[in-house]
Amino acid sequence: QERYVFSQLFIDRRYQGRGLGIAAARLALDEMRADGRFPRVALCYVTGNEAARALYEQLGFHLVKTVGNENIMVLEHL
């Protein structure tokens, strides 16, 4: 499947909880939409990282499978 891969978004611990992660993710997704080459975005997060899971769900991603301790999520219809 053709898709963008959203990888390596980190916010320094000192700046977490200020909405910077979701703002940065939205900017990245906006760039992907503007590019328009692929209809979906995939990413993964490590089991136990509930902050990442919540952020990605807020952006519309849904879990498609778990491999080991990595949870793969997809945003359809970018």
PDB file of N, CA and C in Angstrom:
ATOM      1  N   GLN A   1       0.837  -1.192   0.000  1.00  0.00           N
ATOM      2  CA  GLN A   1       0.000   0.000   0.000  1.00  0.00           C
ATOM      3  C   GLN A   1       0.872   1.242   0.000  1.00  0.00           C
ATOM      4  N   GLU A   2       0.503   2.182  -0.809  1.00  0.00           N
ATOM      5  CA  GLU A   2       1.227   3.436  -0.832  1.00  0.00           C
ATOM      6  C   GLU A   2       0.765   4.297   0.331  1.00  0.00           C
ATOM      7  N   ARG A   3       1.747   4.843   1.037  1.00  0.00           N
ATOM      8  CA  ARG A   3       1.419   5.634   2.212  1.00  0.00           C
ATOM      9  C   ARG A   3       2.632   6.460   2.608  1.00  0.00           C
ATOM     10  N   TYR A   4       2.356   7.493   3.374  1.00  0.00           N
ATOM     11  CA  TYR A   4       3.423   8.234   4.040  1.00  0.00           C
ATOM     12  C   TYR A   4       3.744   7.479   5.325  1.00  0.00           C
ATOM     13  N   VAL A   5       4.960   7.586   5.782  1.00  0.00           N
ATOM     14  CA  VAL A   5       5.351   7.020   7.070  1.00  0.00           C
ATOM     15  C   VAL A   5       5.726   8.185   7.969  1.00  0.00           C
ATOM     16  N   PHE A   6       4.984   8.337   9.055  1.00  0.00           N
ATOM     17  CA  PHE A   6       5.200   9.406  10.018  1.00  0.00           C
ATOM     18  C   PHE A   6       6.100   8.828  11.104  1.00  0.00           C
ATOM     19  N   SER A   7       7.309   9.362  11.205  1.00  0.00           N
ATOM     20  CA  SER A   7       8.293   8.761  12.097  1.00  0.00           C
ATOM     21  C   SER A   7       9.122   9.827  12.803  1.00  0.00           C
ATOM     22  N   GLN A   8       9.528   9.513  14.017  1.00  0.00           N
ATOM     23  CA  GLN A   8      10.513  10.313  14.752  1.00  0.00           C
ATOM     24  C   GLN A   8      10.028  11.695  15.171  1.00  0.00           C
ATOM     25  N   LEU A   9       8.851  11.785  15.747  1.00  0.00           N
ATOM     26  CA  LEU A   9       8.378  13.041  16.320  1.00  0.00           C
ATOM     27  C   LEU A   9       8.654  12.996  17.815  1.00  0.00           C
ATOM     28  N   PHE A  10       9.524  13.866  18.261  1.00  0.00           N
ATOM     29  CA  PHE A  10       9.876  13.922  19.678  1.00  0.00           C
ATOM     30  C   PHE A  10       9.757  15.355  20.173  1.00  0.00           C
ATOM     31  N   ILE A  11       9.193  15.505  21.353  1.00  0.00           N
ATOM     32  CA  ILE A  11       9.153  16.794  22.033  1.00  0.00           C
ATOM     33  C   ILE A  11       9.942  16.623  23.333  1.00  0.00           C
ATOM     34  N   ASP A  12      10.922  17.478  23.541  1.00  0.00           N
ATOM     35  CA  ASP A  12      11.738  17.412  24.750  1.00  0.00           C
ATOM     36  C   ASP A  12      10.841  17.410  25.982  1.00  0.00           C
ATOM     37  N   ARG A  13      11.190  16.587  26.941  1.00  0.00           N
ATOM     38  CA  ARG A  13      10.398  16.434  28.157  1.00  0.00           C
ATOM     39  C   ARG A  13      10.063  17.778  28.807  1.00  0.00           C
ATOM     40  N   ARG A  14      10.973  18.741  28.729  1.00  0.00           N
ATOM     41  CA  ARG A  14      10.753  20.065  29.347  1.00  0.00           C
ATOM     42  C   ARG A  14       9.613  20.828  28.699  1.00  0.00           C
ATOM     43  N   TYR A  15       9.257  20.463  27.458  1.00  0.00           N
ATOM     44  CA  TYR A  15       8.240  21.203  26.717  1.00  0.00           C
ATOM     45  C   TYR A  15       6.965  20.404  26.476  1.00  0.00           C
ATOM     46  N   GLN A  16       6.903  19.212  27.032  1.00  0.00           N
ATOM     47  CA  GLN A  16       5.711  18.389  26.857  1.00  0.00           C
ATOM     48  C   GLN A  16       4.546  18.960  27.664  1.00  0.00           C
ATOM     49  N   GLY A  17       3.346  18.645  27.226  1.00  0.00           N
ATOM     50  CA  GLY A  17       2.151  19.109  27.928  1.00  0.00           C
ATOM     51  C   GLY A  17       1.730  20.514  27.552  1.00  0.00           C
ATOM     52  N   ARG A  18       2.329  21.068  26.515  1.00  0.00           N
ATOM     53  CA  ARG A  18       2.007  22.433  26.075  1.00  0.00           C
ATOM     54  C   ARG A  18       1.309  22.477  24.728  1.00  0.00           C
ATOM     55  N   GLY A  19       0.983  21.304  24.184  1.00  0.00           N
ATOM     56  CA  GLY A  19       0.312  21.256  22.890  1.00  0.00           C
ATOM     57  C   GLY A  19       1.252  21.309  21.695  1.00  0.00           C
ATOM     58  N   LEU A  20       2.550  21.269  21.946  1.00  0.00           N
ATOM     59  CA  LEU A  20       3.512  21.360  20.852  1.00  0.00           C
ATOM     60  C   LEU A  20       3.511  20.104  19.978  1.00  0.00           C
ATOM     61  N   GLY A  21       3.320  18.931  20.582  1.00  0.00           N
ATOM     62  CA  GLY A  21       3.318  17.690  19.822  1.00  0.00           C
ATOM     63  C   GLY A  21       2.187  17.641  18.815  1.00  0.00           C
ATOM     64  N   ILE A  22       0.992  17.987  19.252  1.00  0.00           N
ATOM     65  CA  ILE A  22      -0.145  17.937  18.326  1.00  0.00           C
ATOM     66  C   ILE A  22      -0.028  19.024  17.274  1.00  0.00           C
ATOM     67  N   ALA A  23       0.505  20.189  17.651  1.00  0.00           N
ATOM     68  CA  ALA A  23       0.702  21.259  16.672  1.00  0.00           C
ATOM     69  C   ALA A  23       1.715  20.830  15.610  1.00  0.00           C
ATOM     70  N   ALA A  24       2.816  20.231  16.035  1.00  0.00           N
ATOM     71  CA  ALA A  24       3.840  19.770  15.094  1.00  0.00           C
ATOM     72  C   ALA A  24       3.291  18.664  14.192  1.00  0.00           C
ATOM     73  N   ALA A  25       2.548  17.739  14.765  1.00  0.00           N
ATOM     74  CA  ALA A  25       1.978  16.646  13.983  1.00  0.00           C
ATOM     75  C   ALA A  25       0.987  17.188  12.954  1.00  0.00           C
ATOM     76  N   ARG A  26       0.179  18.148  13.345  1.00  0.00           N
ATOM     77  CA  ARG A  26      -0.782  18.734  12.398  1.00  0.00           C
ATOM     78  C   ARG A  26      -0.064  19.423  11.244  1.00  0.00           C
ATOM     79  N   LEU A  27       1.027  20.127  11.549  1.00  0.00           N
ATOM     80  CA  LEU A  27       1.802  20.770  10.482  1.00  0.00           C
ATOM     81  C   LEU A  27       2.367  19.734   9.516  1.00  0.00           C
ATOM     82  N   ALA A  28       2.902  18.642  10.053  1.00  0.00           N
ATOM     83  CA  ALA A  28       3.446  17.582   9.203  1.00  0.00           C
ATOM     84  C   ALA A  28       2.345  16.965   8.338  1.00  0.00           C
ATOM     85  N   LEU A  29       1.193  16.698   8.933  1.00  0.00           N
ATOM     86  CA  LEU A  29       0.080  16.127   8.172  1.00  0.00           C
ATOM     87  C   LEU A  29      -0.418  17.099   7.108  1.00  0.00           C
ATOM     88  N   ASP A  30      -0.421  18.391   7.409  1.00  0.00           N
ATOM     89  CA  ASP A  30      -0.810  19.392   6.413  1.00  0.00           C
ATOM     90  C   ASP A  30       0.133  19.354   5.212  1.00  0.00           C
ATOM     91  N   GLU A  31       1.430  19.178   5.472  1.00  0.00           N
ATOM     92  CA  GLU A  31       2.406  19.080   4.378  1.00  0.00           C
ATOM     93  C   GLU A  31       2.148  17.835   3.529  1.00  0.00           C
ATOM     94  N   MET A  32       1.811  16.735   4.184  1.00  0.00           N
ATOM     95  CA  MET A  32       1.511  15.509   3.452  1.00  0.00           C
ATOM     96  C   MET A  32       0.267  15.695   2.590  1.00  0.00           C
ATOM     97  N   ARG A  33      -0.749  16.345   3.144  1.00  0.00           N
ATOM     98  CA  ARG A  33      -1.975  16.601   2.377  1.00  0.00           C
ATOM     99  C   ARG A  33      -1.674  17.470   1.158  1.00  0.00           C
ATOM    100  N   ALA A  34      -0.869  18.508   1.374  1.00  0.00           N
ATOM    101  CA  ALA A  34      -0.520  19.416   0.272  1.00  0.00           C
ATOM    102  C   ALA A  34       0.267  18.680  -0.807  1.00  0.00           C
ATOM    103  N   ASP A  35       1.134  17.771  -0.401  1.00  0.00           N
ATOM    104  CA  ASP A  35       1.906  16.973  -1.351  1.00  0.00           C
ATOM    105  C   ASP A  35       0.976  16.088  -2.181  1.00  0.00           C
ATOM    106  N   GLY A  36       0.029  15.423  -1.498  1.00  0.00           N
ATOM    107  CA  GLY A  36      -1.029  14.681  -2.163  1.00  0.00           C
ATOM    108  C   GLY A  36      -0.663  13.395  -2.878  1.00  0.00           C
ATOM    109  N   ARG A  37       0.533  12.861  -2.664  1.00  0.00           N
ATOM    110  CA  ARG A  37       0.913  11.651  -3.399  1.00  0.00           C
ATOM    111  C   ARG A  37       0.254  10.386  -2.882  1.00  0.00           C
ATOM    112  N   PHE A  38      -0.024  10.313  -1.584  1.00  0.00           N
ATOM    113  CA  PHE A  38      -0.554   9.085  -0.995  1.00  0.00           C
ATOM    114  C   PHE A  38      -1.822   9.383  -0.196  1.00  0.00           C
ATOM    115  N   PRO A  39      -2.740   8.414  -0.133  1.00  0.00           N
ATOM    116  CA  PRO A  39      -4.016   8.637   0.546  1.00  0.00           C
ATOM    117  C   PRO A  39      -4.002   8.335   2.040  1.00  0.00           C
ATOM    118  N   ARG A  40      -2.890   7.788   2.566  1.00  0.00           N
ATOM    119  CA  ARG A  40      -2.886   7.394   3.979  1.00  0.00           C
ATOM    120  C   ARG A  40      -1.517   7.634   4.594  1.00  0.00           C
ATOM    121  N   VAL A  41      -1.519   7.617   5.930  1.00  0.00           N
ATOM    122  CA  VAL A  41      -0.293   7.789   6.713  1.00  0.00           C
ATOM    123  C   VAL A  41      -0.216   6.657   7.723  1.00  0.00           C
ATOM    124  N   ALA A  42       0.956   6.070   7.882  1.00  0.00           N
ATOM    125  CA  ALA A  42       1.168   5.019   8.875  1.00  0.00           C
ATOM    126  C   ALA A  42       2.231   5.475   9.871  1.00  0.00           C
ATOM    127  N   LEU A  43       2.120   4.959  11.081  1.00  0.00           N
ATOM    128  CA  LEU A  43       3.101   5.235  12.121  1.00  0.00           C
ATOM    129  C   LEU A  43       3.049   4.112  13.135  1.00  0.00           C
ATOM    130  N   CYS A  44       3.995   4.122  14.049  1.00  0.00           N
ATOM    131  CA  CYS A  44       3.928   3.159  15.149  1.00  0.00           C
ATOM    132  C   CYS A  44       4.371   3.824  16.435  1.00  0.00           C
ATOM    133  N   TYR A  45       3.907   3.263  17.527  1.00  0.00           N
ATOM    134  CA  TYR A  45       4.319   3.710  18.853  1.00  0.00           C
ATOM    135  C   TYR A  45       4.520   2.470  19.706  1.00  0.00           C
ATOM    136  N   VAL A  46       5.317   2.629  20.743  1.00  0.00           N
ATOM    137  CA  VAL A  46       5.652   1.516  21.624  1.00  0.00           C
ATOM    138  C   VAL A  46       4.541   1.315  22.653  1.00  0.00           C
ATOM    139  N   THR A  47       4.168   0.063  22.874  1.00  0.00           N
ATOM    140  CA  THR A  47       3.173  -0.268  23.884  1.00  0.00           C
ATOM    141  C   THR A  47       3.548   0.385  25.207  1.00  0.00           C
ATOM    142  N   GLY A  48       2.568   0.994  25.843  1.00  0.00           N
ATOM    143  CA  GLY A  48       2.803   1.666  27.119  1.00  0.00           C
ATOM    144  C   GLY A  48       2.927   3.174  26.975  1.00  0.00           C
ATOM    145  N   ASN A  49       3.169   3.667  25.775  1.00  0.00           N
ATOM    146  CA  ASN A  49       3.270   5.114  25.563  1.00  0.00           C
ATOM    147  C   ASN A  49       1.865   5.656  25.298  1.00  0.00           C
ATOM    148  N   GLU A  50       1.124   5.820  26.376  1.00  0.00           N
ATOM    149  CA  GLU A  50      -0.276   6.230  26.266  1.00  0.00           C
ATOM    150  C   GLU A  50      -0.430   7.658  25.771  1.00  0.00           C
ATOM    151  N   ALA A  51       0.551   8.514  26.053  1.00  0.00           N
ATOM    152  CA  ALA A  51       0.481   9.894  25.557  1.00  0.00           C
ATOM    153  C   ALA A  51       0.537   9.897  24.028  1.00  0.00           C
ATOM    154  N   ALA A  52       1.418   9.085  23.450  1.00  0.00           N
ATOM    155  CA  ALA A  52       1.510   9.000  21.989  1.00  0.00           C
ATOM    156  C   ALA A  52       0.222   8.432  21.413  1.00  0.00           C
ATOM    157  N   ARG A  53      -0.281   7.355  22.016  1.00  0.00           N
ATOM    158  CA  ARG A  53      -1.524   6.751  21.528  1.00  0.00           C
ATOM    159  C   ARG A  53      -2.649   7.780  21.520  1.00  0.00           C
ATOM    160  N   ALA A  54      -2.804   8.516  22.608  1.00  0.00           N
ATOM    161  CA  ALA A  54      -3.880   9.500  22.715  1.00  0.00           C
ATOM    162  C   ALA A  54      -3.722  10.612  21.674  1.00  0.00           C
ATOM    163  N   LEU A  55      -2.495  11.069  21.473  1.00  0.00           N
ATOM    164  CA  LEU A  55      -2.239  12.120  20.494  1.00  0.00           C
ATOM    165  C   LEU A  55      -2.619  11.636  19.095  1.00  0.00           C
ATOM    166  N   TYR A  56      -2.169  10.434  18.732  1.00  0.00           N
ATOM    167  CA  TYR A  56      -2.445   9.922  17.395  1.00  0.00           C
ATOM    168  C   TYR A  56      -3.933   9.654  17.198  1.00  0.00           C
ATOM    169  N   GLU A  57      -4.607   9.167  18.213  1.00  0.00           N
ATOM    170  CA  GLU A  57      -6.059   8.966  18.099  1.00  0.00           C
ATOM    171  C   GLU A  57      -6.771  10.302  17.929  1.00  0.00           C
ATOM    172  N   GLN A  58      -6.311  11.322  18.618  1.00  0.00           N
ATOM    173  CA  GLN A  58      -6.906  12.651  18.496  1.00  0.00           C
ATOM    174  C   GLN A  58      -6.778  13.181  17.065  1.00  0.00           C
ATOM    175  N   LEU A  59      -5.716  12.768  16.383  1.00  0.00           N
ATOM    176  CA  LEU A  59      -5.496  13.178  14.997  1.00  0.00           C
ATOM    177  C   LEU A  59      -6.263  12.312  13.998  1.00  0.00           C
ATOM    178  N   GLY A  60      -6.915  11.246  14.471  1.00  0.00           N
ATOM    179  CA  GLY A  60      -7.716  10.399  13.603  1.00  0.00           C
ATOM    180  C   GLY A  60      -7.098   9.063  13.233  1.00  0.00           C
ATOM    181  N   PHE A  61      -5.917   8.752  13.777  1.00  0.00           N
ATOM    182  CA  PHE A  61      -5.289   7.461  13.508  1.00  0.00           C
ATOM    183  C   PHE A  61      -6.029   6.352  14.246  1.00  0.00           C
ATOM    184  N   HIS A  62      -6.007   5.146  13.675  1.00  0.00           N
ATOM    185  CA  HIS A  62      -6.585   3.987  14.352  1.00  0.00           C
ATOM    186  C   HIS A  62      -5.591   2.825  14.297  1.00  0.00           C
ATOM    187  N   LEU A  63      -5.653   2.002  15.310  1.00  0.00           N
ATOM    188  CA  LEU A  63      -4.763   0.848  15.426  1.00  0.00           C
ATOM    189  C   LEU A  63      -5.133  -0.198  14.384  1.00  0.00           C
ATOM    190  N   VAL A  64      -4.120  -0.708  13.659  1.00  0.00           N
ATOM    191  CA  VAL A  64      -4.386  -1.759  12.681  1.00  0.00           C
ATOM    192  C   VAL A  64      -3.754  -3.083  13.084  1.00  0.00           C
ATOM    193  N   LYS A  65      -2.622  -3.044  13.778  1.00  0.00           N
ATOM    194  CA  LYS A  65      -2.048  -4.291  14.290  1.00  0.00           C
ATOM    195  C   LYS A  65      -0.920  -3.987  15.266  1.00  0.00           C
ATOM    196  N   THR A  66      -0.582  -5.013  16.043  1.00  0.00           N
ATOM    197  CA  THR A  66       0.515  -4.929  16.985  1.00  0.00           C
ATOM    198  C   THR A  66       1.517  -6.016  16.625  1.00  0.00           C
ATOM    199  N   VAL A  67       2.788  -5.635  16.548  1.00  0.00           N
ATOM    200  CA  VAL A  67       3.871  -6.562  16.261  1.00  0.00           C
ATOM    201  C   VAL A  67       4.892  -6.399  17.383  1.00  0.00           C
ATOM    202  N   GLY A  68       4.989  -7.425  18.224  1.00  0.00           N
ATOM    203  CA  GLY A  68       5.860  -7.296  19.392  1.00  0.00           C
ATOM    204  C   GLY A  68       5.327  -6.210  20.299  1.00  0.00           C
ATOM    205  N   ASN A  69       6.155  -5.201  20.556  1.00  0.00           N
ATOM    206  CA  ASN A  69       5.699  -4.099  21.405  1.00  0.00           C
ATOM    207  C   ASN A  69       5.409  -2.836  20.591  1.00  0.00           C
ATOM    208  N   GLU A  70       5.344  -2.984  19.269  1.00  0.00           N
ATOM    209  CA  GLU A  70       5.040  -1.844  18.408  1.00  0.00           C
ATOM    210  C   GLU A  70       3.609  -1.922  17.901  1.00  0.00           C
ATOM    211  N   ASN A  71       2.894  -0.837  18.071  1.00  0.00           N
ATOM    212  CA  ASN A  71       1.506  -0.718  17.652  1.00  0.00           C
ATOM    213  C   ASN A  71       1.461   0.127  16.388  1.00  0.00           C
ATOM    214  N   ILE A  72       0.945  -0.446  15.327  1.00  0.00           N
ATOM    215  CA  ILE A  72       0.905   0.234  14.044  1.00  0.00           C
ATOM    216  C   ILE A  72      -0.465   0.876  13.866  1.00  0.00           C
ATOM    217  N   MET A  73      -0.438   2.170  13.572  1.00  0.00           N
ATOM    218  CA  MET A  73      -1.660   2.935  13.388  1.00  0.00           C
ATOM    219  C   MET A  73      -1.666   3.535  11.991  1.00  0.00           C
ATOM    220  N   VAL A  74      -2.877   3.784  11.477  1.00  0.00           N
ATOM    221  CA  VAL A  74      -3.032   4.342  10.143  1.00  0.00           C
ATOM    222  C   VAL A  74      -4.063   5.460  10.191  1.00  0.00           C
ATOM    223  N   LEU A  75      -3.805   6.481   9.404  1.00  0.00           N
ATOM    224  CA  LEU A  75      -4.774   7.545   9.152  1.00  0.00           C
ATOM    225  C   LEU A  75      -5.182   7.397   7.693  1.00  0.00           C
ATOM    226  N   GLU A  76      -6.427   7.045   7.467  1.00  0.00           N
ATOM    227  CA  GLU A  76      -6.954   6.847   6.114  1.00  0.00           C
ATOM    228  C   GLU A  76      -7.488   8.158   5.568  1.00  0.00           C
ATOM    229  N   HIS A  77      -7.587   8.248   4.251  1.00  0.00           N
ATOM    230  CA  HIS A  77      -8.211   9.392   3.589  1.00  0.00           C
ATOM    231  C   HIS A  77      -7.576  10.694   4.017  1.00  0.00           C
ATOM    232  N   LEU A  78      -6.282  10.723   3.871  1.00  0.00           N
ATOM    233  CA  LEU A  78      -5.514  11.916   4.239  1.00  0.00           C
ATOM    234  C   LEU A  78      -6.073  13.110   3.513  1.00  0.00           C
TER     235      LEU A  78
END
